[in-house]
Amino acid sequence: MRLLNTDKVRKHRRRSSGPGRCSALLLSLCLLTATAGSTVQAADASNRQQAIDMAMRQNGGQGKVLGVQVIRAENGQSYFAVKILSNGRVRVHRIPQSR
């Protein structure tokens, strides 16, 4: 009777872990971060100061603004490219420009 119990335990362990469970967890994590990132990018700025404020918020509220440019994409949309120096790294935040 002990052999049957250990077989059941082994089968149960195989089902609760493995690549299927790991990939489902990874997929849900990716979907969660993708939706969180899209909500941050959804806001538009109407002027340079709003774009700087949004970029600083995305950067955690710290850093030094090195420059702001208005970039026009090929599809006709324009956005602010805000360069921020933080922790020895230069990051460019793209903030959509409202019309």
PDB file of N, CA and C in Angstrom:
ATOM      1  N   MET A   1       0.806  -1.183   0.000  1.00  0.00           N
ATOM      2  CA  MET A   1       0.000   0.000   0.000  1.00  0.00           C
ATOM      3  C   MET A   1       0.860   1.263   0.000  1.00  0.00           C
ATOM      4  N   ARG A   2       2.027   1.203   0.566  1.00  0.00           N
ATOM      5  CA  ARG A   2       2.908   2.357   0.558  1.00  0.00           C
ATOM      6  C   ARG A   2       3.382   2.707  -0.846  1.00  0.00           C
ATOM      7  N   LEU A   3       3.578   1.739  -1.692  1.00  0.00           N
ATOM      8  CA  LEU A   3       3.979   2.015  -3.061  1.00  0.00           C
ATOM      9  C   LEU A   3       2.937   2.845  -3.787  1.00  0.00           C
ATOM     10  N   LEU A   4       1.679   2.549  -3.590  1.00  0.00           N
ATOM     11  CA  LEU A   4       0.632   3.331  -4.236  1.00  0.00           C
ATOM     12  C   LEU A   4       0.631   4.771  -3.743  1.00  0.00           C
ATOM     13  N   ASN A   5       0.814   4.978  -2.464  1.00  0.00           N
ATOM     14  CA  ASN A   5       0.832   6.338  -1.923  1.00  0.00           C
ATOM     15  C   ASN A   5       2.000   7.155  -2.471  1.00  0.00           C
ATOM     16  N   THR A   6       3.176   6.548  -2.558  1.00  0.00           N
ATOM     17  CA  THR A   6       4.324   7.280  -3.082  1.00  0.00           C
ATOM     18  C   THR A   6       4.144   7.573  -4.563  1.00  0.00           C
ATOM     19  N   ASP A   7       3.508   6.671  -5.297  1.00  0.00           N
ATOM     20  CA  ASP A   7       3.237   6.937  -6.701  1.00  0.00           C
ATOM     21  C   ASP A   7       2.295   8.121  -6.854  1.00  0.00           C
ATOM     22  N   LYS A   8       1.299   8.190  -5.994  1.00  0.00           N
ATOM     23  CA  LYS A   8       0.373   9.315  -6.063  1.00  0.00           C
ATOM     24  C   LYS A   8       1.078  10.630  -5.743  1.00  0.00           C
ATOM     25  N   VAL A   9       1.948  10.599  -4.764  1.00  0.00           N
ATOM     26  CA  VAL A   9       2.694  11.806  -4.393  1.00  0.00           C
ATOM     27  C   VAL A   9       3.595  12.229  -5.540  1.00  0.00           C
ATOM     28  N   ARG A  10       4.271  11.281  -6.142  1.00  0.00           N
ATOM     29  CA  ARG A  10       5.142  11.618  -7.263  1.00  0.00           C
ATOM     30  C   ARG A  10       4.363  12.202  -8.426  1.00  0.00           C
ATOM     31  N   LYS A  11       3.226  11.622  -8.738  1.00  0.00           N
ATOM     32  CA  LYS A  11       2.404  12.155  -9.823  1.00  0.00           C
ATOM     33  C   LYS A  11       1.932  13.557  -9.496  1.00  0.00           C
ATOM     34  N   HIS A  12       1.548  13.779  -8.260  1.00  0.00           N
ATOM     35  CA  HIS A  12       1.076  15.095  -7.854  1.00  0.00           C
ATOM     36  C   HIS A  12       2.194  16.135  -7.976  1.00  0.00           C
ATOM     37  N   ARG A  13       3.395  15.763  -7.584  1.00  0.00           N
ATOM     38  CA  ARG A  13       4.514  16.692  -7.674  1.00  0.00           C
ATOM     39  C   ARG A  13       4.837  17.031  -9.115  1.00  0.00           C
ATOM     40  N   ARG A  14       4.720  16.084  -9.992  1.00  0.00           N
ATOM     41  CA  ARG A  14       4.997  16.364 -11.403  1.00  0.00           C
ATOM     42  C   ARG A  14       4.009  17.363 -11.978  1.00  0.00           C
ATOM     43  N   ARG A  15       2.769  17.299 -11.555  1.00  0.00           N
ATOM     44  CA  ARG A  15       1.759  18.207 -12.094  1.00  0.00           C
ATOM     45  C   ARG A  15       1.880  19.620 -11.539  1.00  0.00           C
ATOM     46  N   SER A  16       2.338  19.766 -10.300  1.00  0.00           N
ATOM     47  CA  SER A  16       2.329  21.081  -9.675  1.00  0.00           C
ATOM     48  C   SER A  16       3.532  21.936 -10.060  1.00  0.00           C
ATOM     49  N   SER A  17       4.548  21.364 -10.660  1.00  0.00           N
ATOM     50  CA  SER A  17       5.695  22.156 -11.071  1.00  0.00           C
ATOM     51  C   SER A  17       6.124  21.721 -12.461  1.00  0.00           C
ATOM     52  N   GLY A  18       7.059  22.453 -13.019  1.00  0.00           N
ATOM     53  CA  GLY A  18       7.575  22.089 -14.324  1.00  0.00           C
ATOM     54  C   GLY A  18       7.441  23.226 -15.306  1.00  0.00           C
ATOM     55  N   PRO A  19       7.753  22.943 -16.551  1.00  0.00           N
ATOM     56  CA  PRO A  19       7.763  24.022 -17.536  1.00  0.00           C
ATOM     57  C   PRO A  19       6.387  24.622 -17.809  1.00  0.00           C
ATOM     58  N   GLY A  20       5.341  23.847 -17.693  1.00  0.00           N
ATOM     59  CA  GLY A  20       4.002  24.384 -17.945  1.00  0.00           C
ATOM     60  C   GLY A  20       3.603  25.412 -16.916  1.00  0.00           C
ATOM     61  N   ARG A  21       3.835  25.115 -15.668  1.00  0.00           N
ATOM     62  CA  ARG A  21       3.499  26.046 -14.591  1.00  0.00           C
ATOM     63  C   ARG A  21       4.402  27.274 -14.636  1.00  0.00           C
ATOM     64  N   CYS A  22       5.664  27.072 -14.926  1.00  0.00           N
ATOM     65  CA  CYS A  22       6.624  28.166 -14.978  1.00  0.00           C
ATOM     66  C   CYS A  22       6.285  29.112 -16.136  1.00  0.00           C
ATOM     67  N   SER A  23       5.937  28.570 -17.280  1.00  0.00           N
ATOM     68  CA  SER A  23       5.615  29.420 -18.423  1.00  0.00           C
ATOM     69  C   SER A  23       4.310  30.175 -18.196  1.00  0.00           C
ATOM     70  N   ALA A  24       3.358  29.567 -17.514  1.00  0.00           N
ATOM     71  CA  ALA A  24       2.115  30.274 -17.214  1.00  0.00           C
ATOM     72  C   ALA A  24       2.370  31.422 -16.257  1.00  0.00           C
ATOM     73  N   LEU A  25       3.241  31.210 -15.292  1.00  0.00           N
ATOM     74  CA  LEU A  25       3.597  32.266 -14.360  1.00  0.00           C
ATOM     75  C   LEU A  25       4.336  33.387 -15.074  1.00  0.00           C
ATOM     76  N   LEU A  26       5.252  33.046 -15.965  1.00  0.00           N
ATOM     77  CA  LEU A  26       5.999  34.030 -16.724  1.00  0.00           C
ATOM     78  C   LEU A  26       5.079  34.829 -17.650  1.00  0.00           C
ATOM     79  N   LEU A  27       4.137  34.160 -18.284  1.00  0.00           N
ATOM     80  CA  LEU A  27       3.188  34.832 -19.161  1.00  0.00           C
ATOM     81  C   LEU A  27       2.329  35.822 -18.392  1.00  0.00           C
ATOM     82  N   SER A  28       1.836  35.422 -17.229  1.00  0.00           N
ATOM     83  CA  SER A  28       1.010  36.340 -16.442  1.00  0.00           C
ATOM     84  C   SER A  28       1.827  37.527 -15.950  1.00  0.00           C
ATOM     85  N   LEU A  29       3.096  37.307 -15.612  1.00  0.00           N
ATOM     86  CA  LEU A  29       3.960  38.402 -15.187  1.00  0.00           C
ATOM     87  C   LEU A  29       4.205  39.379 -16.330  1.00  0.00           C
ATOM     88  N   CYS A  30       4.432  38.862 -17.539  1.00  0.00           N
ATOM     89  CA  CYS A  30       4.643  39.721 -18.707  1.00  0.00           C
ATOM     90  C   CYS A  30       3.400  40.547 -19.016  1.00  0.00           C
ATOM     91  N   LEU A  31       2.239  39.932 -18.940  1.00  0.00           N
ATOM     92  CA  LEU A  31       1.003  40.661 -19.206  1.00  0.00           C
ATOM     93  C   LEU A  31       0.774  41.747 -18.164  1.00  0.00           C
ATOM     94  N   LEU A  32       1.088  41.457 -16.938  1.00  0.00           N
ATOM     95  CA  LEU A  32       0.917  42.433 -15.867  1.00  0.00           C
ATOM     96  C   LEU A  32       1.838  43.628 -16.064  1.00  0.00           C
ATOM     97  N   THR A  33       3.089  43.392 -16.410  1.00  0.00           N
ATOM     98  CA  THR A  33       4.016  44.506 -16.615  1.00  0.00           C
ATOM     99  C   THR A  33       3.703  45.267 -17.897  1.00  0.00           C
ATOM    100  N   ALA A  34       3.199  44.586 -18.916  1.00  0.00           N
ATOM    101  CA  ALA A  34       2.858  45.272 -20.158  1.00  0.00           C
ATOM    102  C   ALA A  34       1.691  46.223 -19.950  1.00  0.00           C
ATOM    103  N   THR A  35       0.704  45.825 -19.196  1.00  0.00           N
ATOM    104  CA  THR A  35      -0.428  46.721 -18.953  1.00  0.00           C
ATOM    105  C   THR A  35      -0.024  47.867 -18.043  1.00  0.00           C
ATOM    106  N   ALA A  36       0.879  47.635 -17.100  1.00  0.00           N
ATOM    107  CA  ALA A  36       1.330  48.713 -16.222  1.00  0.00           C
ATOM    108  C   ALA A  36       2.139  49.730 -17.011  1.00  0.00           C
ATOM    109  N   GLY A  37       2.975  49.277 -17.916  1.00  0.00           N
ATOM    110  CA  GLY A  37       3.766  50.191 -18.722  1.00  0.00           C
ATOM    111  C   GLY A  37       2.939  50.995 -19.693  1.00  0.00           C
ATOM    112  N   SER A  38       1.880  50.420 -20.226  1.00  0.00           N
ATOM    113  CA  SER A  38       1.061  51.151 -21.185  1.00  0.00           C
ATOM    114  C   SER A  38       0.253  52.249 -20.521  1.00  0.00           C
ATOM    115  N   THR A  39      -0.106  52.101 -19.247  1.00  0.00           N
ATOM    116  CA  THR A  39      -0.848  53.156 -18.582  1.00  0.00           C
ATOM    117  C   THR A  39       0.036  54.362 -18.301  1.00  0.00           C
ATOM    118  N   VAL A  40       1.327  54.133 -18.071  1.00  0.00           N
ATOM    119  CA  VAL A  40       2.240  55.246 -17.840  1.00  0.00           C
ATOM    120  C   VAL A  40       2.436  56.029 -19.134  1.00  0.00           C
ATOM    121  N   GLN A  41       2.516  55.346 -20.255  1.00  0.00           N
ATOM    122  CA  GLN A  41       2.750  55.984 -21.538  1.00  0.00           C
ATOM    123  C   GLN A  41       1.497  56.636 -22.127  1.00  0.00           C
ATOM    124  N   ALA A  42       0.333  56.418 -21.522  1.00  0.00           N
ATOM    125  CA  ALA A  42      -0.913  56.877 -22.114  1.00  0.00           C
ATOM    126  C   ALA A  42      -1.099  58.392 -22.017  1.00  0.00           C
ATOM    127  N   ALA A  43      -0.487  59.056 -21.042  1.00  0.00           N
ATOM    128  CA  ALA A  43      -0.679  60.482 -20.849  1.00  0.00           C
ATOM    129  C   ALA A  43       0.110  61.269 -21.895  1.00  0.00           C
ATOM    130  N   ASP A  44      -0.473  62.352 -22.367  1.00  0.00           N
ATOM    131  CA  ASP A  44       0.167  63.229 -23.346  1.00  0.00           C
ATOM    132  C   ASP A  44       0.527  64.546 -22.681  1.00  0.00           C
ATOM    133  N   ALA A  45       1.558  65.191 -23.201  1.00  0.00           N
ATOM    134  CA  ALA A  45       1.984  66.491 -22.689  1.00  0.00           C
ATOM    135  C   ALA A  45       1.694  67.555 -23.742  1.00  0.00           C
ATOM    136  N   SER A  46       1.219  68.708 -23.312  1.00  0.00           N
ATOM    137  CA  SER A  46       0.929  69.776 -24.262  1.00  0.00           C
ATOM    138  C   SER A  46       2.088  70.765 -24.378  1.00  0.00           C
ATOM    139  N   ASN A  47       3.010  70.785 -23.403  1.00  0.00           N
ATOM    140  CA  ASN A  47       4.173  71.665 -23.498  1.00  0.00           C
ATOM    141  C   ASN A  47       5.399  70.992 -22.899  1.00  0.00           C
ATOM    142  N   ARG A  48       6.538  71.672 -23.019  1.00  0.00           N
ATOM    143  CA  ARG A  48       7.814  71.098 -22.573  1.00  0.00           C
ATOM    144  C   ARG A  48       7.832  70.831 -21.073  1.00  0.00           C
ATOM    145  N   GLN A  49       7.289  71.745 -20.281  1.00  0.00           N
ATOM    146  CA  GLN A  49       7.339  71.575 -18.833  1.00  0.00           C
ATOM    147  C   GLN A  49       6.523  70.358 -18.382  1.00  0.00           C
ATOM    148  N   GLN A  50       5.360  70.141 -19.005  1.00  0.00           N
ATOM    149  CA  GLN A  50       4.576  68.947 -18.672  1.00  0.00           C
ATOM    150  C   GLN A  50       5.337  67.682 -19.039  1.00  0.00           C
ATOM    151  N   ALA A  51       6.036  67.698 -20.181  1.00  0.00           N
ATOM    152  CA  ALA A  51       6.820  66.540 -20.604  1.00  0.00           C
ATOM    153  C   ALA A  51       7.958  66.272 -19.614  1.00  0.00           C
ATOM    154  N   ILE A  52       8.608  67.332 -19.144  1.00  0.00           N
ATOM    155  CA  ILE A  52       9.679  67.172 -18.160  1.00  0.00           C
ATOM    156  C   ILE A  52       9.130  66.585 -16.870  1.00  0.00           C
ATOM    157  N   ASP A  53       7.984  67.103 -16.412  1.00  0.00           N
ATOM    158  CA  ASP A  53       7.377  66.599 -15.177  1.00  0.00           C
ATOM    159  C   ASP A  53       7.020  65.118 -15.296  1.00  0.00           C
ATOM    160  N   MET A  54       6.452  64.723 -16.432  1.00  0.00           N
ATOM    161  CA  MET A  54       6.082  63.320 -16.647  1.00  0.00           C
ATOM    162  C   MET A  54       7.317  62.423 -16.699  1.00  0.00           C
ATOM    163  N   ALA A  55       8.359  62.884 -17.382  1.00  0.00           N
ATOM    164  CA  ALA A  55       9.588  62.095 -17.484  1.00  0.00           C
ATOM    165  C   ALA A  55      10.254  61.944 -16.117  1.00  0.00           C
ATOM    166  N   MET A  56      10.241  63.003 -15.327  1.00  0.00           N
ATOM    167  CA  MET A  56      10.820  62.920 -13.982  1.00  0.00           C
ATOM    168  C   MET A  56      10.039  61.939 -13.108  1.00  0.00           C
ATOM    169  N   ARG A  57       8.708  61.924 -13.243  1.00  0.00           N
ATOM    170  CA  ARG A  57       7.892  60.957 -12.497  1.00  0.00           C
ATOM    171  C   ARG A  57       8.230  59.535 -12.921  1.00  0.00           C
ATOM    172  N   GLN A  58       8.402  59.322 -14.226  1.00  0.00           N
ATOM    173  CA  GLN A  58       8.753  57.990 -14.721  1.00  0.00           C
ATOM    174  C   GLN A  58      10.135  57.572 -14.241  1.00  0.00           C
ATOM    175  N   ASN A  59      10.996  58.546 -13.995  1.00  0.00           N
ATOM    176  CA  ASN A  59      12.363  58.280 -13.555  1.00  0.00           C
ATOM    177  C   ASN A  59      12.470  58.187 -12.034  1.00  0.00           C
ATOM    178  N   GLY A  60      11.372  58.244 -11.340  1.00  0.00           N
ATOM    179  CA  GLY A  60      11.399  58.122  -9.890  1.00  0.00           C
ATOM    180  C   GLY A  60      11.582  59.440  -9.172  1.00  0.00           C
ATOM    181  N   GLY A  61      11.447  60.558  -9.876  1.00  0.00           N
ATOM    182  CA  GLY A  61      11.543  61.862  -9.247  1.00  0.00           C
ATOM    183  C   GLY A  61      12.952  62.356  -9.023  1.00  0.00           C
ATOM    184  N   GLN A  62      13.942  61.659  -9.553  1.00  0.00           N
ATOM    185  CA  GLN A  62      15.314  62.107  -9.356  1.00  0.00           C
ATOM    186  C   GLN A  62      16.057  62.153 -10.679  1.00  0.00           C
ATOM    187  N   GLY A  63      17.065  63.001 -10.742  1.00  0.00           N
ATOM    188  CA  GLY A  63      17.876  63.128 -11.939  1.00  0.00           C
ATOM    189  C   GLY A  63      17.959  64.562 -12.392  1.00  0.00           C
ATOM    190  N   LYS A  64      18.765  64.790 -13.411  1.00  0.00           N
ATOM    191  CA  LYS A  64      18.961  66.121 -13.967  1.00  0.00           C
ATOM    192  C   LYS A  64      18.552  66.109 -15.433  1.00  0.00           C
ATOM    193  N   VAL A  65      17.734  67.053 -15.821  1.00  0.00           N
ATOM    194  CA  VAL A  65      17.271  67.135 -17.206  1.00  0.00           C
ATOM    195  C   VAL A  65      18.397  67.726 -18.046  1.00  0.00           C
ATOM    196  N   LEU A  66      18.806  66.986 -19.067  1.00  0.00           N
ATOM    197  CA  LEU A  66      19.874  67.436 -19.955  1.00  0.00           C
ATOM    198  C   LEU A  66      19.346  68.158 -21.182  1.00  0.00           C
ATOM    199  N   GLY A  67      18.144  67.814 -21.603  1.00  0.00           N
ATOM    200  CA  GLY A  67      17.586  68.459 -22.782  1.00  0.00           C
ATOM    201  C   GLY A  67      16.232  67.898 -23.153  1.00  0.00           C
ATOM    202  N   VAL A  68      15.510  68.693 -23.934  1.00  0.00           N
ATOM    203  CA  VAL A  68      14.190  68.288 -24.419  1.00  0.00           C
ATOM    204  C   VAL A  68      14.112  68.638 -25.900  1.00  0.00           C
ATOM    205  N   GLN A  69      13.684  67.673 -26.710  1.00  0.00           N
ATOM    206  CA  GLN A  69      13.498  67.902 -28.146  1.00  0.00           C
ATOM    207  C   GLN A  69      12.115  67.435 -28.550  1.00  0.00           C
ATOM    208  N   VAL A  70      11.563  68.094 -29.566  1.00  0.00           N
ATOM    209  CA  VAL A  70      10.315  67.628 -30.161  1.00  0.00           C
ATOM    210  C   VAL A  70      10.689  66.818 -31.396  1.00  0.00           C
ATOM    211  N   ILE A  71      10.268  65.569 -31.423  1.00  0.00           N
ATOM    212  CA  ILE A  71      10.565  64.653 -32.526  1.00  0.00           C
ATOM    213  C   ILE A  71       9.271  64.335 -33.260  1.00  0.00           C
ATOM    214  N   ARG A  72       9.330  64.399 -34.577  1.00  0.00           N
ATOM    215  CA  ARG A  72       8.167  64.033 -35.390  1.00  0.00           C
ATOM    216  C   ARG A  72       8.461  62.691 -36.059  1.00  0.00           C
ATOM    217  N   ALA A  73       7.601  61.724 -35.800  1.00  0.00           N
ATOM    218  CA  ALA A  73       7.772  60.387 -36.361  1.00  0.00           C
ATOM    219  C   ALA A  73       7.259  60.358 -37.794  1.00  0.00           C
ATOM    220  N   GLU A  74       7.585  59.279 -38.495  1.00  0.00           N
ATOM    221  CA  GLU A  74       7.160  59.128 -39.891  1.00  0.00           C
ATOM    222  C   GLU A  74       5.650  59.029 -40.031  1.00  0.00           C
ATOM    223  N   ASN A  75       4.979  58.520 -38.994  1.00  0.00           N
ATOM    224  CA  ASN A  75       3.523  58.366 -39.079  1.00  0.00           C
ATOM    225  C   ASN A  75       2.776  59.663 -38.759  1.00  0.00           C
ATOM    226  N   GLY A  76       3.507  60.758 -38.546  1.00  0.00           N
ATOM    227  CA  GLY A  76       2.872  62.044 -38.312  1.00  0.00           C
ATOM    228  C   GLY A  76       2.709  62.416 -36.851  1.00  0.00           C
ATOM    229  N   GLN A  77       2.917  61.481 -35.960  1.00  0.00           N
ATOM    230  CA  GLN A  77       2.814  61.790 -34.537  1.00  0.00           C
ATOM    231  C   GLN A  77       4.092  62.468 -34.070  1.00  0.00           C
ATOM    232  N   SER A  78       3.959  63.293 -33.051  1.00  0.00           N
ATOM    233  CA  SER A  78       5.130  63.940 -32.485  1.00  0.00           C
ATOM    234  C   SER A  78       5.194  63.651 -30.993  1.00  0.00           C
ATOM    235  N   TYR A  79       6.406  63.657 -30.473  1.00  0.00           N
ATOM    236  CA  TYR A  79       6.596  63.391 -29.055  1.00  0.00           C
ATOM    237  C   TYR A  79       7.799  64.181 -28.553  1.00  0.00           C
ATOM    238  N   PHE A  80       7.844  64.359 -27.250  1.00  0.00           N
ATOM    239  CA  PHE A  80       8.972  65.004 -26.594  1.00  0.00           C
ATOM    240  C   PHE A  80       9.977  63.920 -26.212  1.00  0.00           C
ATOM    241  N   ALA A  81      11.236  64.142 -26.547  1.00  0.00           N
ATOM    242  CA  ALA A  81      12.312  63.262 -26.106  1.00  0.00           C
ATOM    243  C   ALA A  81      13.034  63.998 -24.980  1.00  0.00           C
ATOM    244  N   VAL A  82      12.851  63.530 -23.747  1.00  0.00           N
ATOM    245  CA  VAL A  82      13.424  64.178 -22.565  1.00  0.00           C
ATOM    246  C   VAL A  82      14.613  63.350 -22.097  1.00  0.00           C
ATOM    247  N   LYS A  83      15.815  63.952 -22.132  1.00  0.00           N
ATOM    248  CA  LYS A  83      17.028  63.278 -21.676  1.00  0.00           C
ATOM    249  C   LYS A  83      17.246  63.605 -20.207  1.00  0.00           C
ATOM    250  N   ILE A  84      17.411  62.549 -19.393  1.00  0.00           N
ATOM    251  CA  ILE A  84      17.612  62.715 -17.955  1.00  0.00           C
ATOM    252  C   ILE A  84      18.856  61.939 -17.537  1.00  0.00           C
ATOM    253  N   LEU A  85      19.736  62.612 -16.779  1.00  0.00           N
ATOM    254  CA  LEU A  85      20.923  61.984 -16.208  1.00  0.00           C
ATOM    255  C   LEU A  85      20.596  61.544 -14.794  1.00  0.00           C
ATOM    256  N   SER A  86      20.731  60.229 -14.542  1.00  0.00           N
ATOM    257  CA  SER A  86      20.436  59.683 -13.219  1.00  0.00           C
ATOM    258  C   SER A  86      21.343  58.497 -12.954  1.00  0.00           C
ATOM    259  N   ASN A  87      22.031  58.514 -11.825  1.00  0.00           N
ATOM    260  CA  ASN A  87      22.935  57.419 -11.437  1.00  0.00           C
ATOM    261  C   ASN A  87      23.997  57.142 -12.492  1.00  0.00           C
ATOM    262  N   GLY A  88      24.506  58.178 -13.126  1.00  0.00           N
ATOM    263  CA  GLY A  88      25.556  58.019 -14.126  1.00  0.00           C
ATOM    264  C   GLY A  88      25.071  57.525 -15.477  1.00  0.00           C
ATOM    265  N   ARG A  89      23.775  57.425 -15.677  1.00  0.00           N
ATOM    266  CA  ARG A  89      23.207  56.956 -16.948  1.00  0.00           C
ATOM    267  C   ARG A  89      22.307  58.030 -17.542  1.00  0.00           C
ATOM    268  N   VAL A  90      22.346  58.136 -18.847  1.00  0.00           N
ATOM    269  CA  VAL A  90      21.444  59.043 -19.553  1.00  0.00           C
ATOM    270  C   VAL A  90      20.298  58.219 -20.102  1.00  0.00           C
ATOM    271  N   ARG A  91      19.102  58.597 -19.731  1.00  0.00           N
ATOM    272  CA  ARG A  91      17.905  57.906 -20.223  1.00  0.00           C
ATOM    273  C   ARG A  91      17.064  58.893 -21.011  1.00  0.00           C
ATOM    274  N   VAL A  92      16.484  58.408 -22.098  1.00  0.00           N
ATOM    275  CA  VAL A  92      15.610  59.235 -22.917  1.00  0.00           C
ATOM    276  C   VAL A  92      14.185  58.734 -22.735  1.00  0.00           C
ATOM    277  N   HIS A  93      13.327  59.608 -22.235  1.00  0.00           N
ATOM    278  CA  HIS A  93      11.913  59.283 -22.056  1.00  0.00           C
ATOM    279  C   HIS A  93      11.144  59.927 -23.200  1.00  0.00           C
ATOM    280  N   ARG A  94      10.323  59.139 -23.864  1.00  0.00           N
ATOM    281  CA  ARG A  94       9.503  59.650 -24.973  1.00  0.00           C
ATOM    282  C   ARG A  94       8.092  59.884 -24.469  1.00  0.00           C
ATOM    283  N   ILE A  95       7.694  61.127 -24.474  1.00  0.00           N
ATOM    284  CA  ILE A  95       6.370  61.523 -23.990  1.00  0.00           C
ATOM    285  C   ILE A  95       5.559  62.018 -25.189  1.00  0.00           C
ATOM    286  N   PRO A  96       4.432  61.397 -25.505  1.00  0.00           N
ATOM    287  CA  PRO A  96       3.621  61.850 -26.644  1.00  0.00           C
ATOM    288  C   PRO A  96       3.157  63.282 -26.476  1.00  0.00           C
ATOM    289  N   GLN A  97       3.148  64.030 -27.580  1.00  0.00           N
ATOM    290  CA  GLN A  97       2.719  65.415 -27.554  1.00  0.00           C
ATOM    291  C   GLN A  97       1.254  65.488 -27.925  1.00  0.00           C
ATOM    292  N   SER A  98       0.459  66.167 -27.094  1.00  0.00           N
ATOM    293  CA  SER A  98      -0.956  66.327 -27.418  1.00  0.00           C
ATOM    294  C   SER A  98      -1.115  67.444 -28.425  1.00  0.00           C
ATOM    295  N   ARG A  99      -2.196  67.390 -29.157  1.00  0.00           N
ATOM    296  CA  ARG A  99      -2.433  68.395 -30.214  1.00  0.00           C
ATOM    297  C   ARG A  99      -3.501  69.348 -29.819  1.00  0.00           C
TER     298      ARG A  99
END
